[in-house]
Amino acid sequence: MLVEEIMNTELLYLYPGDSIGKALEYIDKHKIRHVPVVDEHLVLTGIVSDRDIRDASPSIFHTRSQEEHLKKPVSRIMTFPVITANPLDVVEETAVVLYKNHISALPVTGAQDKLLGILTESTVLHTLVELTGAHQPSSRIEVKAFDQPGELAALTSIFHRMQINLISVLVYPGKDNVSKYLAFRVQTMDPREVINELKEAGYEVSWPRIPGMNE
């Protein structure tokens, strides 16, 4: 899945000369946390967040200072340069960018840094949940297998033989560097029968932990 498929294209933005008060109004009115800042050609010049406003605000006990602060331009507090995404970036890779940089929003830009949309961590999280199928009535079965060619095919053949539909498969390495774990999301609410089949085939089922079956 690509960024262009899930990014928000209903653009809300500010100009560098707009006041901090206007930025705060945007954030409160539209229930958002970030507002891109652009020039007259929609070229991205910065981004301002609710945290930027909060960190730069004077004490609430100084009313006059607060009023003067809100009149200042957003260019005084905006973040630049901005970490951005491209419409053709893969969603999973974009999630890594958000995670590694400890940020919760990415403006999406095209040619000459023109603003096209914005991608937030909540949108990415929602998308990843849908991709894994965790929001559907289903069961999760986690199997430990050897890290060698053919293991995934061998495992999926068991589900095929039992006519159990696979919703998604996630693979991650084991700590010993010779094994891996495969987390299957399957379209059944009672996985006990397929768990028995997996064990008879010699696989270790690490999840779910069902009393009497994980011993």
N, C-alpha and C. Protein backbone atom coordinates (compact mmCIF):
# COMPACT_ATOMS: atom_id res chain seq x y z
N MET A 1 0.84 -1.19 0.00
CA MET A 1 0.00 0.00 0.00
C MET A 1 0.88 1.25 0.00
N LEU A 2 0.49 2.23 -0.80
CA LEU A 2 1.29 3.44 -0.95
C LEU A 2 0.70 4.60 -0.15
N VAL A 3 1.55 5.57 0.16
CA VAL A 3 1.14 6.74 0.93
C VAL A 3 -0.01 7.48 0.25
N GLU A 4 0.03 7.58 -1.07
CA GLU A 4 -1.01 8.33 -1.78
C GLU A 4 -2.41 7.73 -1.60
N GLU A 5 -2.46 6.47 -1.20
CA GLU A 5 -3.75 5.81 -1.03
C GLU A 5 -4.41 6.14 0.31
N ILE A 6 -3.62 6.59 1.29
CA ILE A 6 -4.19 6.82 2.62
C ILE A 6 -3.96 8.23 3.15
N MET A 7 -3.16 9.06 2.46
CA MET A 7 -2.87 10.40 2.97
C MET A 7 -4.12 11.28 2.93
N ASN A 8 -4.15 12.25 3.83
CA ASN A 8 -5.25 13.21 3.88
C ASN A 8 -4.98 14.33 2.89
N THR A 9 -5.84 14.48 1.90
CA THR A 9 -5.64 15.50 0.87
C THR A 9 -6.51 16.73 1.08
N GLU A 10 -7.30 16.73 2.15
CA GLU A 10 -8.08 17.93 2.48
C GLU A 10 -7.13 18.88 3.21
N LEU A 11 -6.44 19.68 2.42
CA LEU A 11 -5.31 20.45 2.93
C LEU A 11 -5.72 21.60 3.84
N LEU A 12 -5.11 21.61 5.00
CA LEU A 12 -5.17 22.74 5.92
C LEU A 12 -3.74 23.23 6.08
N TYR A 13 -3.52 24.49 5.84
CA TYR A 13 -2.15 25.00 5.90
C TYR A 13 -2.15 26.46 6.32
N LEU A 14 -0.98 26.93 6.66
CA LEU A 14 -0.76 28.32 7.07
C LEU A 14 0.34 28.92 6.20
N TYR A 15 0.38 30.24 6.17
CA TYR A 15 1.48 30.95 5.54
C TYR A 15 2.43 31.42 6.64
N PRO A 16 3.71 31.62 6.31
CA PRO A 16 4.68 32.03 7.33
C PRO A 16 4.28 33.28 8.11
N GLY A 17 3.54 34.19 7.48
CA GLY A 17 3.15 35.42 8.14
C GLY A 17 1.89 35.31 8.97
N ASP A 18 1.19 34.16 8.89
CA ASP A 18 -0.01 33.98 9.72
C ASP A 18 0.37 33.94 11.19
N SER A 19 -0.55 34.37 12.02
CA SER A 19 -0.24 34.46 13.45
C SER A 19 -0.27 33.10 14.14
N ILE A 20 0.44 33.05 15.26
CA ILE A 20 0.41 31.85 16.10
C ILE A 20 -1.01 31.62 16.60
N GLY A 21 -1.74 32.71 16.83
CA GLY A 21 -3.14 32.60 17.26
C GLY A 21 -3.98 31.88 16.22
N LYS A 22 -3.73 32.13 14.93
CA LYS A 22 -4.47 31.46 13.88
C LYS A 22 -4.12 29.97 13.85
N ALA A 23 -2.86 29.66 14.07
CA ALA A 23 -2.45 28.26 14.12
C ALA A 23 -3.15 27.53 15.26
N LEU A 24 -3.22 28.19 16.41
CA LEU A 24 -3.90 27.60 17.56
C LEU A 24 -5.38 27.40 17.27
N GLU A 25 -5.97 28.35 16.56
CA GLU A 25 -7.39 28.25 16.19
C GLU A 25 -7.62 27.06 15.26
N TYR A 26 -6.73 26.86 14.29
CA TYR A 26 -6.83 25.72 13.37
C TYR A 26 -6.77 24.40 14.14
N ILE A 27 -5.80 24.33 15.05
CA ILE A 27 -5.59 23.09 15.81
C ILE A 27 -6.79 22.77 16.69
N ASP A 28 -7.35 23.78 17.33
CA ASP A 28 -8.51 23.57 18.20
C ASP A 28 -9.77 23.25 17.40
N LYS A 29 -9.98 23.98 16.33
CA LYS A 29 -11.22 23.84 15.54
C LYS A 29 -11.29 22.51 14.81
N HIS A 30 -10.17 22.08 14.24
CA HIS A 30 -10.17 20.88 13.40
C HIS A 30 -9.65 19.64 14.14
N LYS A 31 -9.35 19.78 15.43
CA LYS A 31 -8.91 18.65 16.25
C LYS A 31 -7.69 17.96 15.64
N ILE A 32 -6.70 18.77 15.27
CA ILE A 32 -5.47 18.24 14.69
C ILE A 32 -4.29 18.67 15.55
N ARG A 33 -3.13 18.12 15.27
CA ARG A 33 -1.94 18.42 16.07
C ARG A 33 -0.84 19.10 15.27
N HIS A 34 -0.96 19.08 13.93
CA HIS A 34 0.08 19.65 13.08
C HIS A 34 -0.55 20.42 11.92
N VAL A 35 0.08 21.54 11.58
CA VAL A 35 -0.37 22.33 10.43
C VAL A 35 0.86 22.66 9.58
N PRO A 36 0.88 22.24 8.30
CA PRO A 36 2.00 22.61 7.42
C PRO A 36 1.99 24.12 7.14
N VAL A 37 3.17 24.65 6.90
CA VAL A 37 3.31 26.07 6.54
C VAL A 37 3.86 26.12 5.12
N VAL A 38 3.19 26.88 4.24
CA VAL A 38 3.57 26.93 2.82
C VAL A 38 3.71 28.37 2.35
N ASP A 39 4.34 28.53 1.17
CA ASP A 39 4.38 29.85 0.56
C ASP A 39 3.20 30.00 -0.39
N GLU A 40 3.18 31.07 -1.18
CA GLU A 40 2.03 31.34 -2.06
C GLU A 40 1.86 30.30 -3.16
N HIS A 41 2.90 29.48 -3.40
CA HIS A 41 2.82 28.44 -4.43
C HIS A 41 2.59 27.05 -3.83
N LEU A 42 2.22 27.00 -2.58
CA LEU A 42 2.00 25.76 -1.84
C LEU A 42 3.28 24.94 -1.66
N VAL A 43 4.42 25.60 -1.75
CA VAL A 43 5.69 24.94 -1.47
C VAL A 43 5.90 24.90 0.04
N LEU A 44 6.19 23.71 0.55
CA LEU A 44 6.34 23.53 1.99
C LEU A 44 7.53 24.33 2.53
N THR A 45 7.27 25.13 3.55
CA THR A 45 8.36 25.92 4.16
C THR A 45 8.56 25.56 5.63
N GLY A 46 7.64 24.80 6.21
CA GLY A 46 7.78 24.43 7.61
C GLY A 46 6.55 23.70 8.10
N ILE A 47 6.54 23.40 9.39
CA ILE A 47 5.38 22.77 10.01
C ILE A 47 5.31 23.24 11.46
N VAL A 48 4.10 23.48 11.93
CA VAL A 48 3.92 23.91 13.31
C VAL A 48 2.99 22.92 14.01
N SER A 49 3.31 22.59 15.24
CA SER A 49 2.52 21.62 16.01
C SER A 49 1.97 22.26 17.27
N ASP A 50 1.03 21.58 17.89
CA ASP A 50 0.49 22.06 19.16
C ASP A 50 1.58 22.14 20.21
N ARG A 51 2.56 21.25 20.11
CA ARG A 51 3.66 21.29 21.06
C ARG A 51 4.54 22.51 20.84
N ASP A 52 4.78 22.89 19.58
CA ASP A 52 5.56 24.10 19.28
C ASP A 52 4.91 25.32 19.94
N ILE A 53 3.58 25.38 19.81
CA ILE A 53 2.85 26.51 20.39
C ILE A 53 2.95 26.50 21.90
N ARG A 54 2.79 25.32 22.48
CA ARG A 54 2.82 25.20 23.94
C ARG A 54 4.20 25.52 24.49
N ASP A 55 5.24 25.00 23.83
CA ASP A 55 6.60 25.23 24.32
C ASP A 55 7.02 26.70 24.22
N ALA A 56 6.48 27.40 23.21
CA ALA A 56 6.88 28.80 23.01
C ALA A 56 5.99 29.79 23.74
N SER A 57 4.91 29.29 24.35
CA SER A 57 3.95 30.19 25.00
C SER A 57 4.46 30.66 26.36
N PRO A 58 4.21 31.92 26.69
CA PRO A 58 4.56 32.40 28.02
C PRO A 58 3.60 31.84 29.07
N SER A 59 3.88 32.08 30.31
CA SER A 59 3.05 31.58 31.40
C SER A 59 1.62 32.11 31.27
N ILE A 60 0.65 31.28 31.65
CA ILE A 60 -0.75 31.69 31.60
C ILE A 60 -1.04 32.81 32.59
N PHE A 61 -0.13 33.05 33.50
CA PHE A 61 -0.33 34.11 34.49
C PHE A 61 0.05 35.49 33.95
N HIS A 62 0.65 35.51 32.76
CA HIS A 62 1.03 36.78 32.15
C HIS A 62 0.12 37.01 30.94
N THR A 63 -1.08 37.52 31.20
CA THR A 63 -2.11 37.66 30.18
C THR A 63 -1.65 38.51 29.00
N ARG A 64 -1.02 39.65 29.30
CA ARG A 64 -0.60 40.54 28.23
C ARG A 64 0.47 39.87 27.36
N SER A 65 1.40 39.18 27.98
CA SER A 65 2.44 38.48 27.23
C SER A 65 1.83 37.41 26.33
N GLN A 66 0.80 36.75 26.85
CA GLN A 66 0.12 35.72 26.08
C GLN A 66 -0.52 36.31 24.83
N GLU A 67 -1.18 37.44 24.97
CA GLU A 67 -1.85 38.09 23.85
C GLU A 67 -0.84 38.54 22.80
N GLU A 68 0.28 39.09 23.24
CA GLU A 68 1.31 39.52 22.30
C GLU A 68 1.94 38.34 21.58
N HIS A 69 2.11 37.25 22.31
CA HIS A 69 2.70 36.05 21.73
C HIS A 69 1.84 35.51 20.59
N LEU A 70 0.53 35.50 20.77
CA LEU A 70 -0.37 34.95 19.76
C LEU A 70 -0.41 35.79 18.49
N LYS A 71 0.07 37.01 18.56
CA LYS A 71 0.10 37.88 17.38
C LYS A 71 1.34 37.67 16.53
N LYS A 72 2.34 36.98 17.06
CA LYS A 72 3.58 36.76 16.34
C LYS A 72 3.36 35.77 15.19
N PRO A 73 4.17 35.85 14.12
CA PRO A 73 4.00 34.95 12.98
C PRO A 73 4.45 33.53 13.31
N VAL A 74 3.83 32.56 12.66
CA VAL A 74 4.18 31.15 12.90
C VAL A 74 5.61 30.85 12.46
N SER A 75 6.16 31.68 11.59
CA SER A 75 7.54 31.47 11.16
C SER A 75 8.51 31.53 12.33
N ARG A 76 8.09 32.15 13.44
CA ARG A 76 8.94 32.27 14.62
C ARG A 76 9.07 30.94 15.37
N ILE A 77 8.09 30.08 15.21
CA ILE A 77 8.09 28.84 16.00
C ILE A 77 8.04 27.57 15.16
N MET A 78 7.83 27.69 13.84
CA MET A 78 7.68 26.50 13.01
C MET A 78 8.98 25.71 12.92
N THR A 79 8.87 24.43 12.64
CA THR A 79 10.01 23.54 12.47
C THR A 79 10.42 23.50 11.00
N PHE A 80 11.72 23.64 10.74
CA PHE A 80 12.25 23.53 9.39
C PHE A 80 13.74 23.20 9.50
N PRO A 81 14.28 22.33 8.63
CA PRO A 81 13.61 21.62 7.54
C PRO A 81 12.64 20.55 8.05
N VAL A 82 11.73 20.15 7.17
CA VAL A 82 10.67 19.22 7.55
C VAL A 82 10.95 17.84 6.95
N ILE A 83 10.78 16.81 7.77
CA ILE A 83 10.84 15.44 7.26
C ILE A 83 9.54 15.17 6.51
N THR A 84 9.64 14.72 5.28
CA THR A 84 8.44 14.55 4.45
C THR A 84 8.35 13.13 3.89
N ALA A 85 7.21 12.86 3.28
CA ALA A 85 6.99 11.60 2.59
C ALA A 85 6.65 11.90 1.14
N ASN A 86 6.85 10.90 0.30
CA ASN A 86 6.49 11.00 -1.11
C ASN A 86 5.22 10.18 -1.35
N PRO A 87 4.35 10.60 -2.26
CA PRO A 87 3.11 9.84 -2.49
C PRO A 87 3.34 8.37 -2.83
N LEU A 88 4.51 8.05 -3.42
CA LEU A 88 4.78 6.68 -3.85
C LEU A 88 5.58 5.88 -2.82
N ASP A 89 5.79 6.46 -1.64
CA ASP A 89 6.44 5.71 -0.56
C ASP A 89 5.53 4.58 -0.08
N VAL A 90 6.13 3.50 0.38
CA VAL A 90 5.36 2.37 0.94
C VAL A 90 4.99 2.70 2.38
N VAL A 91 3.76 2.38 2.77
CA VAL A 91 3.25 2.74 4.09
C VAL A 91 4.12 2.17 5.21
N GLU A 92 4.56 0.90 5.08
CA GLU A 92 5.37 0.30 6.13
C GLU A 92 6.68 1.06 6.34
N GLU A 93 7.30 1.50 5.24
CA GLU A 93 8.55 2.24 5.36
C GLU A 93 8.31 3.62 5.98
N THR A 94 7.17 4.20 5.68
CA THR A 94 6.81 5.49 6.27
C THR A 94 6.60 5.36 7.77
N ALA A 95 6.05 4.25 8.19
CA ALA A 95 5.86 4.00 9.62
C ALA A 95 7.21 3.96 10.33
N VAL A 96 8.23 3.41 9.67
CA VAL A 96 9.57 3.36 10.24
C VAL A 96 10.13 4.77 10.40
N VAL A 97 9.88 5.63 9.41
CA VAL A 97 10.34 7.02 9.48
C VAL A 97 9.71 7.73 10.68
N LEU A 98 8.42 7.55 10.88
CA LEU A 98 7.74 8.15 12.02
C LEU A 98 8.34 7.64 13.33
N TYR A 99 8.56 6.34 13.40
CA TYR A 99 9.07 5.72 14.62
C TYR A 99 10.49 6.18 14.94
N LYS A 100 11.37 6.14 13.95
CA LYS A 100 12.78 6.46 14.19
C LYS A 100 13.00 7.93 14.53
N ASN A 101 12.15 8.79 13.98
CA ASN A 101 12.33 10.23 14.21
C ASN A 101 11.45 10.77 15.33
N HIS A 102 10.68 9.89 15.96
CA HIS A 102 9.82 10.27 17.09
C HIS A 102 8.89 11.43 16.71
N ILE A 103 8.27 11.30 15.54
CA ILE A 103 7.32 12.32 15.08
C ILE A 103 5.97 11.66 14.81
N SER A 104 4.93 12.46 14.72
CA SER A 104 3.59 11.89 14.57
C SER A 104 2.87 12.37 13.32
N ALA A 105 3.58 13.09 12.43
CA ALA A 105 2.96 13.52 11.19
C ALA A 105 4.03 13.76 10.13
N LEU A 106 3.68 13.46 8.88
CA LEU A 106 4.58 13.69 7.76
C LEU A 106 3.81 14.41 6.65
N PRO A 107 4.21 15.64 6.31
CA PRO A 107 3.64 16.27 5.12
C PRO A 107 4.06 15.46 3.89
N VAL A 108 3.17 15.35 2.93
CA VAL A 108 3.47 14.61 1.70
C VAL A 108 3.69 15.64 0.59
N THR A 109 4.84 15.58 -0.04
CA THR A 109 5.19 16.56 -1.05
C THR A 109 5.50 15.90 -2.39
N GLY A 110 5.32 16.68 -3.45
CA GLY A 110 5.65 16.20 -4.79
C GLY A 110 6.79 16.98 -5.38
N ALA A 111 6.72 17.25 -6.67
CA ALA A 111 7.77 17.99 -7.36
C ALA A 111 7.95 19.37 -6.76
N GLN A 112 9.20 19.78 -6.61
CA GLN A 112 9.57 21.09 -6.09
C GLN A 112 8.98 21.35 -4.70
N ASP A 113 8.82 20.28 -3.93
CA ASP A 113 8.36 20.36 -2.54
C ASP A 113 6.95 20.94 -2.39
N LYS A 114 6.13 20.79 -3.41
CA LYS A 114 4.76 21.28 -3.32
C LYS A 114 3.93 20.36 -2.41
N LEU A 115 3.19 20.94 -1.50
CA LEU A 115 2.40 20.16 -0.54
C LEU A 115 1.22 19.48 -1.23
N LEU A 116 1.11 18.17 -1.03
CA LEU A 116 0.04 17.38 -1.63
C LEU A 116 -0.92 16.80 -0.60
N GLY A 117 -0.44 16.63 0.62
CA GLY A 117 -1.27 16.03 1.66
C GLY A 117 -0.48 15.89 2.94
N ILE A 118 -1.06 15.18 3.88
CA ILE A 118 -0.36 14.93 5.15
C ILE A 118 -0.73 13.53 5.65
N LEU A 119 0.23 12.89 6.29
CA LEU A 119 0.04 11.54 6.81
C LEU A 119 0.34 11.56 8.30
N THR A 120 -0.60 11.06 9.10
CA THR A 120 -0.43 11.07 10.56
C THR A 120 -0.22 9.65 11.08
N GLU A 121 0.35 9.56 12.28
CA GLU A 121 0.60 8.25 12.87
C GLU A 121 -0.69 7.48 13.11
N SER A 122 -1.79 8.19 13.41
CA SER A 122 -3.06 7.50 13.65
C SER A 122 -3.57 6.85 12.37
N THR A 123 -3.38 7.52 11.23
CA THR A 123 -3.78 6.96 9.94
C THR A 123 -2.94 5.73 9.61
N VAL A 124 -1.62 5.83 9.86
CA VAL A 124 -0.73 4.70 9.59
C VAL A 124 -1.08 3.52 10.48
N LEU A 125 -1.33 3.77 11.76
CA LEU A 125 -1.68 2.69 12.69
C LEU A 125 -2.98 2.02 12.26
N HIS A 126 -3.98 2.83 11.90
CA HIS A 126 -5.26 2.28 11.44
C HIS A 126 -5.06 1.41 10.21
N THR A 127 -4.20 1.86 9.29
CA THR A 127 -3.94 1.10 8.07
C THR A 127 -3.24 -0.21 8.37
N LEU A 128 -2.25 -0.20 9.26
CA LEU A 128 -1.53 -1.42 9.59
C LEU A 128 -2.44 -2.44 10.28
N VAL A 129 -3.37 -1.95 11.10
CA VAL A 129 -4.34 -2.84 11.74
C VAL A 129 -5.20 -3.51 10.67
N GLU A 130 -5.62 -2.73 9.68
CA GLU A 130 -6.42 -3.31 8.59
C GLU A 130 -5.62 -4.31 7.77
N LEU A 131 -4.35 -4.00 7.52
CA LEU A 131 -3.51 -4.89 6.72
C LEU A 131 -3.30 -6.23 7.42
N THR A 132 -3.19 -6.22 8.74
CA THR A 132 -2.99 -7.48 9.48
C THR A 132 -4.30 -8.23 9.70
N GLY A 133 -5.43 -7.54 9.53
CA GLY A 133 -6.73 -8.19 9.75
C GLY A 133 -7.10 -8.35 11.20
N ALA A 134 -6.38 -7.66 12.10
CA ALA A 134 -6.63 -7.80 13.53
C ALA A 134 -8.01 -7.28 13.95
N HIS A 135 -8.63 -6.45 13.09
CA HIS A 135 -9.94 -5.89 13.42
C HIS A 135 -11.07 -6.83 13.04
N GLN A 136 -10.76 -7.94 12.37
CA GLN A 136 -11.78 -8.88 11.93
C GLN A 136 -11.93 -10.03 12.94
N PRO A 137 -13.12 -10.65 12.98
CA PRO A 137 -13.28 -11.84 13.82
C PRO A 137 -12.33 -12.94 13.32
N SER A 138 -11.36 -13.29 14.12
CA SER A 138 -10.33 -14.23 13.67
C SER A 138 -9.52 -14.73 14.86
N SER A 139 -8.55 -15.59 14.56
CA SER A 139 -7.64 -16.09 15.59
C SER A 139 -6.21 -15.89 15.14
N ARG A 140 -5.32 -15.74 16.10
CA ARG A 140 -3.90 -15.58 15.82
C ARG A 140 -3.16 -16.83 16.26
N ILE A 141 -2.40 -17.39 15.34
CA ILE A 141 -1.61 -18.58 15.64
C ILE A 141 -0.16 -18.27 15.33
N GLU A 142 0.69 -18.42 16.34
CA GLU A 142 2.11 -18.12 16.17
C GLU A 142 2.90 -19.41 16.21
N VAL A 143 3.71 -19.63 15.18
CA VAL A 143 4.44 -20.89 15.03
C VAL A 143 5.94 -20.61 14.94
N LYS A 144 6.73 -21.39 15.67
CA LYS A 144 8.18 -21.30 15.58
C LYS A 144 8.65 -22.30 14.52
N ALA A 145 9.47 -21.81 13.59
CA ALA A 145 9.94 -22.67 12.50
C ALA A 145 11.40 -22.39 12.22
N PHE A 146 12.04 -23.27 11.47
CA PHE A 146 13.43 -23.05 11.08
C PHE A 146 13.50 -21.98 10.00
N ASP A 147 14.56 -21.18 10.05
CA ASP A 147 14.74 -20.11 9.07
C ASP A 147 15.38 -20.70 7.82
N GLN A 148 14.55 -21.35 7.00
CA GLN A 148 15.04 -22.00 5.80
C GLN A 148 13.97 -21.94 4.71
N PRO A 149 14.38 -22.01 3.45
CA PRO A 149 13.43 -21.95 2.35
C PRO A 149 12.40 -23.07 2.44
N GLY A 150 11.17 -22.75 2.11
CA GLY A 150 10.12 -23.77 2.05
C GLY A 150 9.27 -23.89 3.29
N GLU A 151 9.70 -23.27 4.42
CA GLU A 151 8.95 -23.41 5.67
C GLU A 151 7.56 -22.76 5.56
N LEU A 152 7.50 -21.58 4.97
CA LEU A 152 6.21 -20.89 4.86
C LEU A 152 5.25 -21.70 3.99
N ALA A 153 5.75 -22.24 2.88
CA ALA A 153 4.91 -23.04 2.00
C ALA A 153 4.40 -24.29 2.71
N ALA A 154 5.28 -24.93 3.49
CA ALA A 154 4.88 -26.14 4.22
C ALA A 154 3.79 -25.83 5.23
N LEU A 155 3.93 -24.70 5.93
CA LEU A 155 2.94 -24.33 6.93
C LEU A 155 1.60 -23.96 6.29
N THR A 156 1.64 -23.17 5.24
CA THR A 156 0.39 -22.75 4.61
C THR A 156 -0.34 -23.94 3.97
N SER A 157 0.41 -24.97 3.60
CA SER A 157 -0.24 -26.16 3.02
C SER A 157 -1.12 -26.86 4.06
N ILE A 158 -0.74 -26.74 5.34
CA ILE A 158 -1.55 -27.34 6.41
C ILE A 158 -2.87 -26.61 6.53
N PHE A 159 -2.81 -25.27 6.49
CA PHE A 159 -4.06 -24.50 6.55
C PHE A 159 -4.93 -24.77 5.32
N HIS A 160 -4.27 -24.92 4.16
CA HIS A 160 -5.01 -25.21 2.92
C HIS A 160 -5.71 -26.55 3.01
N ARG A 161 -5.00 -27.56 3.53
CA ARG A 161 -5.57 -28.90 3.64
C ARG A 161 -6.79 -28.89 4.57
N MET A 162 -6.77 -28.04 5.60
CA MET A 162 -7.87 -27.99 6.54
C MET A 162 -8.93 -26.95 6.15
N GLN A 163 -8.73 -26.35 4.96
CA GLN A 163 -9.68 -25.38 4.41
C GLN A 163 -9.91 -24.20 5.36
N ILE A 164 -8.81 -23.70 5.92
CA ILE A 164 -8.86 -22.52 6.79
C ILE A 164 -8.26 -21.34 6.04
N ASN A 165 -9.01 -20.29 5.94
CA ASN A 165 -8.59 -19.11 5.18
C ASN A 165 -7.58 -18.29 5.97
N LEU A 166 -6.48 -17.90 5.31
CA LEU A 166 -5.47 -17.03 5.91
C LEU A 166 -5.79 -15.57 5.61
N ILE A 167 -5.84 -14.75 6.66
CA ILE A 167 -6.09 -13.32 6.48
C ILE A 167 -4.78 -12.56 6.30
N SER A 168 -3.77 -12.91 7.10
CA SER A 168 -2.47 -12.27 6.97
C SER A 168 -1.39 -13.15 7.59
N VAL A 169 -0.14 -12.88 7.21
CA VAL A 169 1.01 -13.59 7.77
C VAL A 169 2.10 -12.58 8.08
N LEU A 170 2.61 -12.59 9.30
CA LEU A 170 3.74 -11.76 9.70
C LEU A 170 4.89 -12.67 10.08
N VAL A 171 6.10 -12.30 9.68
CA VAL A 171 7.28 -13.10 9.96
C VAL A 171 8.30 -12.25 10.70
N TYR A 172 8.84 -12.77 11.80
CA TYR A 172 9.90 -12.05 12.50
C TYR A 172 10.91 -13.06 13.04
N PRO A 173 12.19 -12.65 13.15
CA PRO A 173 13.25 -13.60 13.52
C PRO A 173 13.23 -13.98 14.99
N GLY A 174 13.72 -15.19 15.28
CA GLY A 174 13.88 -15.63 16.64
C GLY A 174 15.19 -15.12 17.21
N LYS A 175 15.35 -15.20 18.51
CA LYS A 175 16.56 -14.69 19.17
C LYS A 175 17.79 -15.54 18.90
N ASP A 176 17.58 -16.79 18.48
CA ASP A 176 18.72 -17.69 18.28
C ASP A 176 19.33 -17.60 16.88
N ASN A 177 18.73 -16.77 16.01
CA ASN A 177 19.24 -16.54 14.64
C ASN A 177 19.12 -17.75 13.72
N VAL A 178 18.55 -18.83 14.19
CA VAL A 178 18.36 -20.01 13.33
C VAL A 178 16.88 -20.34 13.16
N SER A 179 16.05 -19.66 13.89
CA SER A 179 14.61 -19.90 13.79
C SER A 179 13.88 -18.59 13.51
N LYS A 180 12.63 -18.70 13.18
CA LYS A 180 11.81 -17.53 12.97
C LYS A 180 10.39 -17.84 13.45
N TYR A 181 9.64 -16.81 13.70
CA TYR A 181 8.26 -16.97 14.13
C TYR A 181 7.34 -16.46 13.03
N LEU A 182 6.32 -17.23 12.76
CA LEU A 182 5.32 -16.84 11.77
C LEU A 182 3.98 -16.68 12.49
N ALA A 183 3.45 -15.48 12.43
CA ALA A 183 2.17 -15.19 13.08
C ALA A 183 1.08 -15.19 12.02
N PHE A 184 0.21 -16.17 12.09
CA PHE A 184 -0.88 -16.31 11.13
C PHE A 184 -2.16 -15.73 11.72
N ARG A 185 -2.84 -14.92 10.97
CA ARG A 185 -4.19 -14.47 11.32
C ARG A 185 -5.14 -15.30 10.46
N VAL A 186 -5.94 -16.17 11.11
CA VAL A 186 -6.79 -17.13 10.38
C VAL A 186 -8.26 -16.88 10.65
N GLN A 187 -9.06 -17.24 9.66
CA GLN A 187 -10.49 -16.96 9.73
C GLN A 187 -11.23 -18.11 10.41
N THR A 188 -10.94 -18.27 11.69
CA THR A 188 -11.64 -19.24 12.51
C THR A 188 -11.58 -18.77 13.95
N MET A 189 -12.63 -19.03 14.70
CA MET A 189 -12.65 -18.62 16.11
C MET A 189 -12.22 -19.75 17.03
N ASP A 190 -12.09 -20.97 16.48
CA ASP A 190 -11.64 -22.11 17.28
C ASP A 190 -10.44 -22.75 16.59
N PRO A 191 -9.21 -22.38 16.98
CA PRO A 191 -8.02 -22.86 16.28
C PRO A 191 -7.46 -24.19 16.80
N ARG A 192 -8.16 -24.84 17.72
CA ARG A 192 -7.59 -26.01 18.38
C ARG A 192 -7.26 -27.14 17.41
N GLU A 193 -8.14 -27.39 16.46
CA GLU A 193 -7.91 -28.49 15.53
C GLU A 193 -6.67 -28.25 14.67
N VAL A 194 -6.51 -27.04 14.16
CA VAL A 194 -5.34 -26.76 13.31
C VAL A 194 -4.06 -26.72 14.15
N ILE A 195 -4.17 -26.32 15.41
CA ILE A 195 -3.00 -26.33 16.30
C ILE A 195 -2.50 -27.77 16.49
N ASN A 196 -3.44 -28.71 16.66
CA ASN A 196 -3.06 -30.12 16.78
C ASN A 196 -2.35 -30.62 15.52
N GLU A 197 -2.86 -30.19 14.36
CA GLU A 197 -2.25 -30.59 13.10
C GLU A 197 -0.84 -30.04 12.98
N LEU A 198 -0.66 -28.79 13.38
CA LEU A 198 0.67 -28.17 13.33
C LEU A 198 1.66 -28.90 14.23
N LYS A 199 1.20 -29.28 15.41
CA LYS A 199 2.07 -29.99 16.35
C LYS A 199 2.41 -31.38 15.84
N GLU A 200 1.45 -32.05 15.23
CA GLU A 200 1.70 -33.38 14.68
C GLU A 200 2.71 -33.31 13.54
N ALA A 201 2.75 -32.14 12.87
CA ALA A 201 3.72 -31.95 11.78
C ALA A 201 5.09 -31.56 12.32
N GLY A 202 5.22 -31.44 13.66
CA GLY A 202 6.51 -31.16 14.27
C GLY A 202 6.79 -29.71 14.57
N TYR A 203 5.78 -28.85 14.47
CA TYR A 203 5.99 -27.42 14.72
C TYR A 203 5.65 -27.06 16.17
N GLU A 204 6.36 -26.07 16.67
CA GLU A 204 6.10 -25.56 18.00
C GLU A 204 5.14 -24.37 17.90
N VAL A 205 3.99 -24.48 18.53
CA VAL A 205 3.00 -23.39 18.53
C VAL A 205 3.20 -22.59 19.81
N SER A 206 3.67 -21.36 19.66
CA SER A 206 3.94 -20.53 20.84
C SER A 206 2.74 -19.68 21.24
N TRP A 207 1.75 -19.56 20.37
CA TRP A 207 0.51 -18.83 20.68
C TRP A 207 -0.61 -19.34 19.78
N PRO A 208 -1.81 -19.52 20.30
CA PRO A 208 -2.29 -19.17 21.64
C PRO A 208 -1.87 -20.20 22.69
N ARG A 209 -1.84 -19.75 23.93
CA ARG A 209 -1.50 -20.65 25.03
C ARG A 209 -2.80 -21.24 25.58
N ILE A 210 -3.11 -22.43 25.13
CA ILE A 210 -4.34 -23.10 25.54
C ILE A 210 -4.00 -24.16 26.58
N PRO A 211 -4.63 -24.15 27.75
CA PRO A 211 -4.34 -25.13 28.80
C PRO A 211 -4.43 -26.56 28.26
N GLY A 212 -3.37 -27.32 28.51
CA GLY A 212 -3.36 -28.71 28.07
C GLY A 212 -2.81 -28.92 26.68
N MET A 213 -2.65 -27.82 25.91
CA MET A 213 -2.18 -27.96 24.52
C MET A 213 -0.78 -27.41 24.34
N ASN A 214 -0.28 -26.64 25.30
CA ASN A 214 1.05 -26.05 25.16
C ASN A 214 2.07 -26.75 26.05
N GLU A 215 1.73 -27.89 26.52
CA GLU A 215 2.62 -28.63 27.41
C GLU A 215 3.49 -29.60 26.59
